[in-house]
N, C-alpha and C. Protein backbone atom coordinates (compact mmCIF):
# COMPACT_ATOMS: atom_id res chain seq x y z
N UNK A 1 26.55 9.01 -26.10
CA UNK A 1 25.65 9.98 -26.30
C UNK A 1 26.37 11.22 -26.93
N UNK A 2 25.86 11.77 -28.10
CA UNK A 2 26.13 12.92 -29.01
C UNK A 2 25.72 14.18 -28.40
N UNK A 3 26.94 14.91 -28.08
CA UNK A 3 26.56 16.21 -27.71
C UNK A 3 26.61 16.83 -28.88
N UNK A 4 25.56 17.68 -29.37
CA UNK A 4 25.87 18.79 -30.66
C UNK A 4 26.44 19.84 -30.38
N UNK A 5 26.63 20.09 -31.59
CA UNK A 5 27.33 21.73 -31.31
C UNK A 5 26.26 22.76 -31.37
N UNK A 6 26.54 23.68 -30.63
CA UNK A 6 25.20 24.85 -30.38
C UNK A 6 25.85 26.06 -31.06
N UNK A 7 26.77 25.99 -31.93
CA UNK A 7 27.10 27.08 -32.86
C UNK A 7 26.04 27.26 -33.74
N UNK A 8 25.56 28.34 -34.16
CA UNK A 8 24.49 28.70 -34.98
C UNK A 8 24.38 27.90 -36.25
N UNK A 9 23.41 27.38 -36.37
CA UNK A 9 23.36 26.48 -37.60
C UNK A 9 24.21 25.17 -38.04
N UNK A 10 25.26 24.83 -37.17
CA UNK A 10 25.92 23.72 -37.34
C UNK A 10 25.33 22.53 -36.68
N UNK A 11 25.75 21.64 -37.61
CA UNK A 11 24.90 20.26 -37.74
C UNK A 11 25.65 19.01 -37.26
N UNK A 12 27.06 19.68 -36.84
CA UNK A 12 28.05 18.76 -36.76
C UNK A 12 28.05 18.12 -34.72
N UNK A 13 28.61 17.02 -34.37
CA UNK A 13 28.52 16.66 -32.92
C UNK A 13 29.76 17.36 -32.49
N UNK A 14 29.62 18.15 -31.03
CA UNK A 14 30.96 18.68 -30.73
C UNK A 14 31.47 17.71 -29.99
N UNK A 15 31.20 16.53 -29.93
CA UNK A 15 32.02 15.17 -29.35
C UNK A 15 31.02 13.99 -28.99
N UNK A 16 31.08 13.26 -28.85
CA UNK A 16 30.61 11.58 -28.33
C UNK A 16 31.10 11.38 -27.03
N UNK A 17 30.15 11.30 -26.35
CA UNK A 17 30.45 10.60 -24.52
C UNK A 17 30.32 9.82 -24.57
N UNK A 18 30.84 8.46 -23.90
CA UNK A 18 30.19 7.22 -23.28
C UNK A 18 30.93 6.60 -21.93
N UNK A 19 29.65 6.40 -21.19
CA UNK A 19 29.97 5.72 -20.16
C UNK A 19 29.89 4.53 -19.84
N UNK A 20 30.94 3.35 -19.38
CA UNK A 20 30.87 2.26 -18.96
C UNK A 20 31.36 1.59 -17.76
N UNK A 21 30.07 0.82 -17.55
CA UNK A 21 30.69 -0.05 -15.96
C UNK A 21 31.83 -0.37 -16.11
N UNK A 22 32.08 -0.73 -15.30
CA UNK A 22 34.06 -1.08 -15.16
C UNK A 22 33.83 -2.68 -15.92
N UNK A 23 34.91 -2.83 -16.49
CA UNK A 23 34.76 -4.05 -17.36
C UNK A 23 34.38 -3.96 -18.69
N UNK A 24 32.95 -3.38 -18.91
CA UNK A 24 32.17 -3.44 -19.57
C UNK A 24 33.14 -3.43 -21.06
N UNK A 25 31.98 -3.55 -22.18
CA UNK A 25 32.74 -3.26 -23.67
C UNK A 25 31.90 -2.01 -23.83
N UNK A 26 33.03 -1.29 -25.03
CA UNK A 26 32.24 0.21 -25.10
C UNK A 26 31.27 0.02 -26.61
N UNK A 27 30.61 1.02 -27.01
CA UNK A 27 29.64 0.90 -27.59
C UNK A 27 29.97 0.23 -28.84
N UNK A 28 31.69 0.15 -29.29
CA UNK A 28 32.11 -0.15 -30.51
C UNK A 28 32.85 -1.58 -30.31
N UNK A 29 32.28 -2.11 -29.03
CA UNK A 29 32.57 -3.55 -29.00
C UNK A 29 34.18 -3.53 -28.46
N UNK A 30 35.15 -2.25 -28.13
CA UNK A 30 36.69 -2.17 -27.67
C UNK A 30 36.21 -2.67 -26.38
N UNK A 31 37.42 -3.11 -25.85
CA UNK A 31 37.66 -3.85 -24.18
C UNK A 31 37.57 -2.24 -23.71
N UNK A 32 37.01 -2.35 -22.35
CA UNK A 32 37.50 -1.02 -21.52
C UNK A 32 38.44 -1.35 -20.82
N UNK A 33 39.84 -1.03 -20.46
CA UNK A 33 40.67 -1.55 -20.37
C UNK A 33 41.15 -0.58 -18.75
N UNK A 34 40.75 0.54 -18.71
CA UNK A 34 41.21 1.41 -17.78
C UNK A 34 40.84 0.69 -16.17
N UNK A 35 39.60 0.00 -15.96
CA UNK A 35 39.28 -0.36 -14.60
C UNK A 35 40.82 -1.47 -14.20
N UNK A 36 41.31 -1.77 -15.39
CA UNK A 36 42.69 -2.75 -15.00
C UNK A 36 43.91 -1.54 -14.25
N UNK A 37 43.56 -0.63 -14.54
CA UNK A 37 44.75 0.51 -14.17
C UNK A 37 44.30 1.24 -12.73
N UNK A 38 42.95 1.25 -12.95
CA UNK A 38 42.44 1.75 -11.63
C UNK A 38 41.20 1.08 -11.12
N UNK A 39 41.83 -0.37 -10.41
CA UNK A 39 40.96 -0.97 -9.86
C UNK A 39 39.38 -0.54 -9.08
N UNK A 40 39.95 0.64 -8.60
CA UNK A 40 38.72 1.32 -7.38
C UNK A 40 37.87 1.82 -8.66
N UNK A 41 37.78 2.01 -9.51
CA UNK A 41 37.03 2.73 -10.41
C UNK A 41 35.47 1.94 -10.77
N UNK A 42 34.89 3.03 -10.80
CA UNK A 42 32.93 2.22 -10.76
C UNK A 42 33.22 2.02 -12.17
N UNK A 43 33.86 2.56 -13.33
CA UNK A 43 33.79 2.72 -14.64
C UNK A 43 34.52 3.58 -15.39
N UNK A 44 34.42 3.63 -16.75
CA UNK A 44 35.19 4.20 -17.41
C UNK A 44 34.26 5.41 -18.38
N UNK A 45 35.05 6.70 -18.77
CA UNK A 45 34.25 7.68 -19.48
C UNK A 45 35.45 7.78 -20.67
N UNK A 46 34.50 7.63 -21.81
CA UNK A 46 35.60 8.31 -22.92
C UNK A 46 34.62 9.44 -23.75
N UNK A 47 35.84 10.43 -24.11
CA UNK A 47 35.49 11.26 -25.13
C UNK A 47 36.21 11.35 -26.64
N UNK A 48 35.35 11.14 -27.46
CA UNK A 48 35.83 10.99 -28.71
C UNK A 48 35.09 12.10 -29.54
N UNK A 49 36.01 12.45 -30.76
CA UNK A 49 35.25 13.58 -31.71
C UNK A 49 35.28 14.92 -31.72
N UNK A 50 36.02 15.14 -30.94
CA UNK A 50 36.26 16.74 -30.57
C UNK A 50 37.75 17.08 -30.97
N UNK A 51 38.89 16.24 -30.04
CA UNK A 51 40.09 16.91 -30.24
C UNK A 51 40.96 16.28 -31.54
N UNK A 52 41.55 17.27 -32.31
CA UNK A 52 42.10 16.72 -33.52
C UNK A 52 43.45 15.52 -33.19
N UNK A 53 42.87 14.39 -33.57
CA UNK A 53 44.20 13.44 -33.39
C UNK A 53 44.00 12.66 -32.22
N UNK A 54 43.25 12.90 -31.27
CA UNK A 54 43.34 12.13 -29.99
C UNK A 54 41.61 12.05 -29.26
N UNK A 55 41.87 10.76 -28.79
CA UNK A 55 40.58 10.50 -27.87
C UNK A 55 40.72 10.65 -26.33
N UNK A 56 39.89 10.44 -25.60
CA UNK A 56 40.50 10.80 -24.16
C UNK A 56 39.72 9.52 -23.15
N UNK A 57 39.88 8.74 -22.72
CA UNK A 57 39.63 7.95 -21.60
C UNK A 57 40.11 8.44 -20.08
N UNK A 58 39.21 7.87 -19.09
CA UNK A 58 39.42 8.36 -17.75
C UNK A 58 38.48 7.54 -16.71
N UNK A 59 38.80 7.33 -15.48
CA UNK A 59 38.45 6.56 -14.27
C UNK A 59 36.77 7.36 -14.30
N UNK A 60 36.06 6.42 -13.62
CA UNK A 60 34.72 7.30 -13.17
C UNK A 60 34.72 6.56 -11.65
N UNK A 61 34.82 7.73 -10.63
CA UNK A 61 34.67 7.32 -9.30
C UNK A 61 33.19 7.36 -9.07
N UNK A 62 32.36 8.31 -9.77
CA UNK A 62 30.90 8.10 -9.48
C UNK A 62 30.14 7.76 -10.51
N UNK A 63 30.08 6.45 -10.98
CA UNK A 63 29.23 6.21 -12.04
C UNK A 63 27.91 6.68 -12.27
N UNK A 64 27.03 6.40 -11.28
CA UNK A 64 25.63 7.23 -11.25
C UNK A 64 25.70 8.38 -11.79
N UNK A 65 26.28 9.55 -11.04
CA UNK A 65 26.34 10.75 -11.66
C UNK A 65 26.64 10.89 -12.97
N UNK A 66 27.87 10.50 -13.41
CA UNK A 66 28.27 10.65 -14.98
C UNK A 66 27.37 9.81 -15.57
N UNK A 67 26.53 8.70 -15.19
CA UNK A 67 25.62 8.26 -16.54
C UNK A 67 24.47 9.34 -16.37
N UNK A 68 24.08 9.90 -15.30
CA UNK A 68 22.91 10.61 -15.59
C UNK A 68 23.16 12.00 -16.14
N UNK A 69 24.46 12.49 -16.16
CA UNK A 69 24.70 13.60 -16.91
C UNK A 69 24.96 13.34 -18.20
N UNK A 70 25.44 11.96 -18.71
CA UNK A 70 25.76 11.85 -20.34
C UNK A 70 24.22 11.33 -20.80
N UNK A 71 23.58 10.52 -19.74
CA UNK A 71 22.24 10.19 -20.59
C UNK A 71 21.19 11.73 -20.54
N UNK A 72 21.60 12.53 -19.83
CA UNK A 72 20.47 13.84 -20.20
C UNK A 72 20.74 14.99 -20.92
N UNK A 73 22.30 14.60 -21.68
CA UNK A 73 22.87 15.29 -22.48
C UNK A 73 23.23 16.75 -21.94
N UNK A 74 23.71 16.59 -20.29
CA UNK A 74 23.84 17.85 -19.49
C UNK A 74 25.60 17.99 -19.62
N UNK A 75 26.08 19.03 -20.53
CA UNK A 75 27.39 19.12 -20.50
C UNK A 75 28.08 20.11 -19.41
N UNK A 76 26.90 20.73 -18.62
CA UNK A 76 27.36 21.72 -17.91
C UNK A 76 27.41 20.42 -16.32
N UNK A 77 26.58 19.63 -16.35
CA UNK A 77 26.69 18.63 -15.09
C UNK A 77 28.09 17.85 -15.17
N UNK A 78 28.05 17.48 -16.44
CA UNK A 78 29.42 16.37 -17.04
C UNK A 78 30.59 17.20 -16.34
N UNK A 79 30.64 18.44 -17.09
CA UNK A 79 31.82 19.88 -16.32
C UNK A 79 31.76 19.83 -14.69
N UNK A 80 30.85 19.72 -14.60
CA UNK A 80 30.79 19.97 -12.84
C UNK A 80 31.50 18.64 -12.16
N UNK A 81 31.27 17.52 -12.42
CA UNK A 81 31.65 16.27 -12.12
C UNK A 81 33.30 16.46 -12.23
N UNK A 82 33.45 16.76 -13.74
CA UNK A 82 35.03 16.90 -13.73
C UNK A 82 35.33 18.02 -15.06
N UNK A 83 36.09 18.52 -15.17
CA UNK A 83 36.11 19.65 -15.99
C UNK A 83 36.35 18.79 -17.56
N UNK A 84 37.55 17.80 -17.27
CA UNK A 84 38.34 17.30 -18.29
C UNK A 84 37.36 16.38 -19.41
N UNK A 85 36.22 16.32 -18.67
CA UNK A 85 34.99 15.13 -19.31
C UNK A 85 34.38 16.11 -20.20
N UNK A 86 34.22 17.19 -20.31
CA UNK A 86 33.41 17.89 -21.44
C UNK A 86 34.70 19.22 -21.85
N UNK A 87 35.51 18.95 -22.45
CA UNK A 87 36.71 19.59 -23.48
C UNK A 87 36.00 20.56 -24.23
N UNK A 88 34.89 20.01 -25.12
CA UNK A 88 33.94 20.70 -25.71
C UNK A 88 33.07 21.50 -25.47
N UNK A 89 32.90 22.09 -24.05
CA UNK A 89 31.66 22.59 -23.61
C UNK A 89 32.95 23.85 -22.77
N UNK A 90 32.08 24.92 -23.26
CA UNK A 90 32.13 26.38 -22.46
C UNK A 90 31.56 26.76 -21.60
N UNK A 91 31.94 26.76 -20.09
CA UNK A 91 30.94 27.01 -18.99
C UNK A 91 30.65 28.71 -18.59
N UNK A 92 31.49 29.41 -19.64
CA UNK A 92 31.41 30.82 -19.55
C UNK A 92 30.03 31.01 -20.51
N UNK A 93 29.95 30.33 -21.81
CA UNK A 93 28.83 30.35 -22.72
C UNK A 93 27.75 29.57 -22.29
N UNK A 94 27.79 28.57 -21.39
CA UNK A 94 27.18 27.42 -21.23
C UNK A 94 26.53 26.75 -22.51
N UNK A 95 27.36 26.61 -23.25
CA UNK A 95 27.22 26.13 -24.77
C UNK A 95 28.25 25.10 -25.04
N UNK A 96 27.99 23.79 -25.77
CA UNK A 96 28.92 23.18 -26.05
C UNK A 96 29.26 23.16 -27.70
N UNK A 97 30.61 22.88 -28.28
CA UNK A 97 31.01 23.65 -29.48
C UNK A 97 31.66 22.47 -30.34
N UNK A 98 31.76 22.05 -31.52
CA UNK A 98 32.65 20.88 -32.18
C UNK A 98 33.82 21.87 -32.06
N UNK A 99 34.89 20.65 -32.64
CA UNK A 99 36.32 21.25 -32.78
C UNK A 99 36.63 22.42 -34.10
N UNK A 100 35.79 22.10 -34.94
CA UNK A 100 35.45 23.13 -36.04
C UNK A 100 35.49 24.58 -35.63
N UNK A 101 34.09 24.81 -34.42
CA UNK A 101 34.36 26.16 -34.03
C UNK A 101 35.09 26.60 -32.84
N UNK A 102 36.01 25.81 -32.50
CA UNK A 102 36.86 26.02 -31.09
C UNK A 102 38.27 26.36 -31.87
N UNK A 103 38.91 27.40 -31.68
CA UNK A 103 40.35 27.94 -32.18
C UNK A 103 41.09 27.22 -31.22
N UNK A 104 41.36 26.15 -31.75
CA UNK A 104 42.72 25.06 -30.73
C UNK A 104 44.01 25.01 -31.08
N UNK A 105 45.05 25.27 -30.00
CA UNK A 105 45.86 25.36 -30.37
C UNK A 105 47.17 24.42 -29.70
N UNK A 106 47.55 23.30 -30.27
CA UNK A 106 48.60 22.23 -29.57
C UNK A 106 49.61 22.85 -28.99
N UNK A 107 49.91 22.66 -27.65
CA UNK A 107 51.17 23.07 -26.98
C UNK A 107 52.11 21.73 -26.66
N UNK A 108 53.46 21.91 -26.92
CA UNK A 108 54.18 21.08 -27.11
C UNK A 108 55.52 21.22 -25.74
N UNK A 109 55.91 20.32 -25.13
CA UNK A 109 57.23 20.65 -24.33
C UNK A 109 58.16 19.49 -24.80
N UNK A 110 58.09 18.44 -24.16
CA UNK A 110 58.82 17.23 -24.47
C UNK A 110 57.79 16.46 -25.42
N UNK A 111 57.17 16.64 -26.19
CA UNK A 111 56.13 16.04 -27.36
C UNK A 111 54.72 16.50 -26.97
N UNK A 112 53.52 16.09 -27.39
CA UNK A 112 52.70 16.66 -27.63
C UNK A 112 52.39 17.19 -26.03
N UNK A 113 51.85 17.82 -25.33
CA UNK A 113 51.32 18.21 -24.19
C UNK A 113 50.03 18.48 -23.61
N UNK A 114 49.14 19.25 -24.44
CA UNK A 114 47.84 19.57 -24.04
C UNK A 114 47.25 20.62 -25.45
N UNK A 115 46.14 21.07 -25.14
CA UNK A 115 45.49 21.76 -26.17
C UNK A 115 45.02 23.16 -25.26
N UNK A 116 45.16 24.33 -25.55
CA UNK A 116 44.49 25.28 -25.24
C UNK A 116 43.47 25.87 -26.47
N UNK A 117 42.46 26.64 -26.21
CA UNK A 117 41.68 26.93 -27.10
C UNK A 117 40.73 28.29 -26.81
N UNK A 118 40.01 28.42 -27.66
CA UNK A 118 39.16 29.69 -27.50
C UNK A 118 37.81 29.56 -27.96
N UNK A 119 36.70 29.40 -27.16
CA UNK A 119 35.55 29.33 -28.16
C UNK A 119 35.42 30.19 -29.10
N UNK A 120 34.06 30.05 -29.44
CA UNK A 120 33.89 30.99 -30.55
C UNK A 120 33.40 32.32 -30.39
N UNK A 121 32.82 32.57 -28.83
CA UNK A 121 32.37 33.70 -28.12
C UNK A 121 34.07 34.57 -27.90
N UNK A 122 34.85 34.19 -28.01
CA UNK A 122 36.06 34.40 -27.36
C UNK A 122 36.73 34.15 -25.99
N UNK A 123 36.18 32.73 -25.22
CA UNK A 123 36.63 32.43 -24.07
C UNK A 123 37.75 31.36 -23.80
N UNK A 124 38.57 31.90 -23.68
CA UNK A 124 39.82 30.89 -23.09
C UNK A 124 39.79 29.97 -22.68
N UNK A 125 40.31 28.75 -22.91
CA UNK A 125 40.29 27.23 -21.94
C UNK A 125 41.43 26.60 -22.38
N UNK A 126 42.01 26.15 -21.25
CA UNK A 126 43.10 25.42 -21.04
C UNK A 126 42.34 23.59 -21.12
N UNK A 127 42.70 22.85 -22.16
CA UNK A 127 41.77 21.99 -22.43
C UNK A 127 43.11 20.41 -22.33
N UNK A 128 43.11 19.94 -21.05
CA UNK A 128 43.68 18.89 -20.74
C UNK A 128 43.15 17.56 -21.03
N UNK A 129 43.94 16.85 -21.89
CA UNK A 129 42.97 15.33 -22.15
C UNK A 129 43.81 14.33 -21.52
N UNK A 130 44.46 14.34 -20.64
CA UNK A 130 45.52 13.50 -20.28
C UNK A 130 44.96 12.93 -18.88
């Protein structure tokens, strides 16, 4: 599911979110390997197209809820399930924004650590993609 940027007149995608059942292939035919690391996971969620130079994959403990949120294009529901699954979503604005509209700042300690960012309205966020 492509979550659109909700900044005025922007036609970019905020992010693409894919949910796969345990062991299935992603939409682009890449093998889901998260289930090998987390055997109790029901599936995997993958977020791409938001953060520069990185994507994000994580285990999904409640597959039905994740599929419902993504299928409905409901970033608030996705954020409620796990905040890291909707880094493009500002819960204070209740809107999704593409990386072009976020003021994203990478943080480094022993290498790349995380992003912090501010939505276009000015709300600060810690964006953990690990």
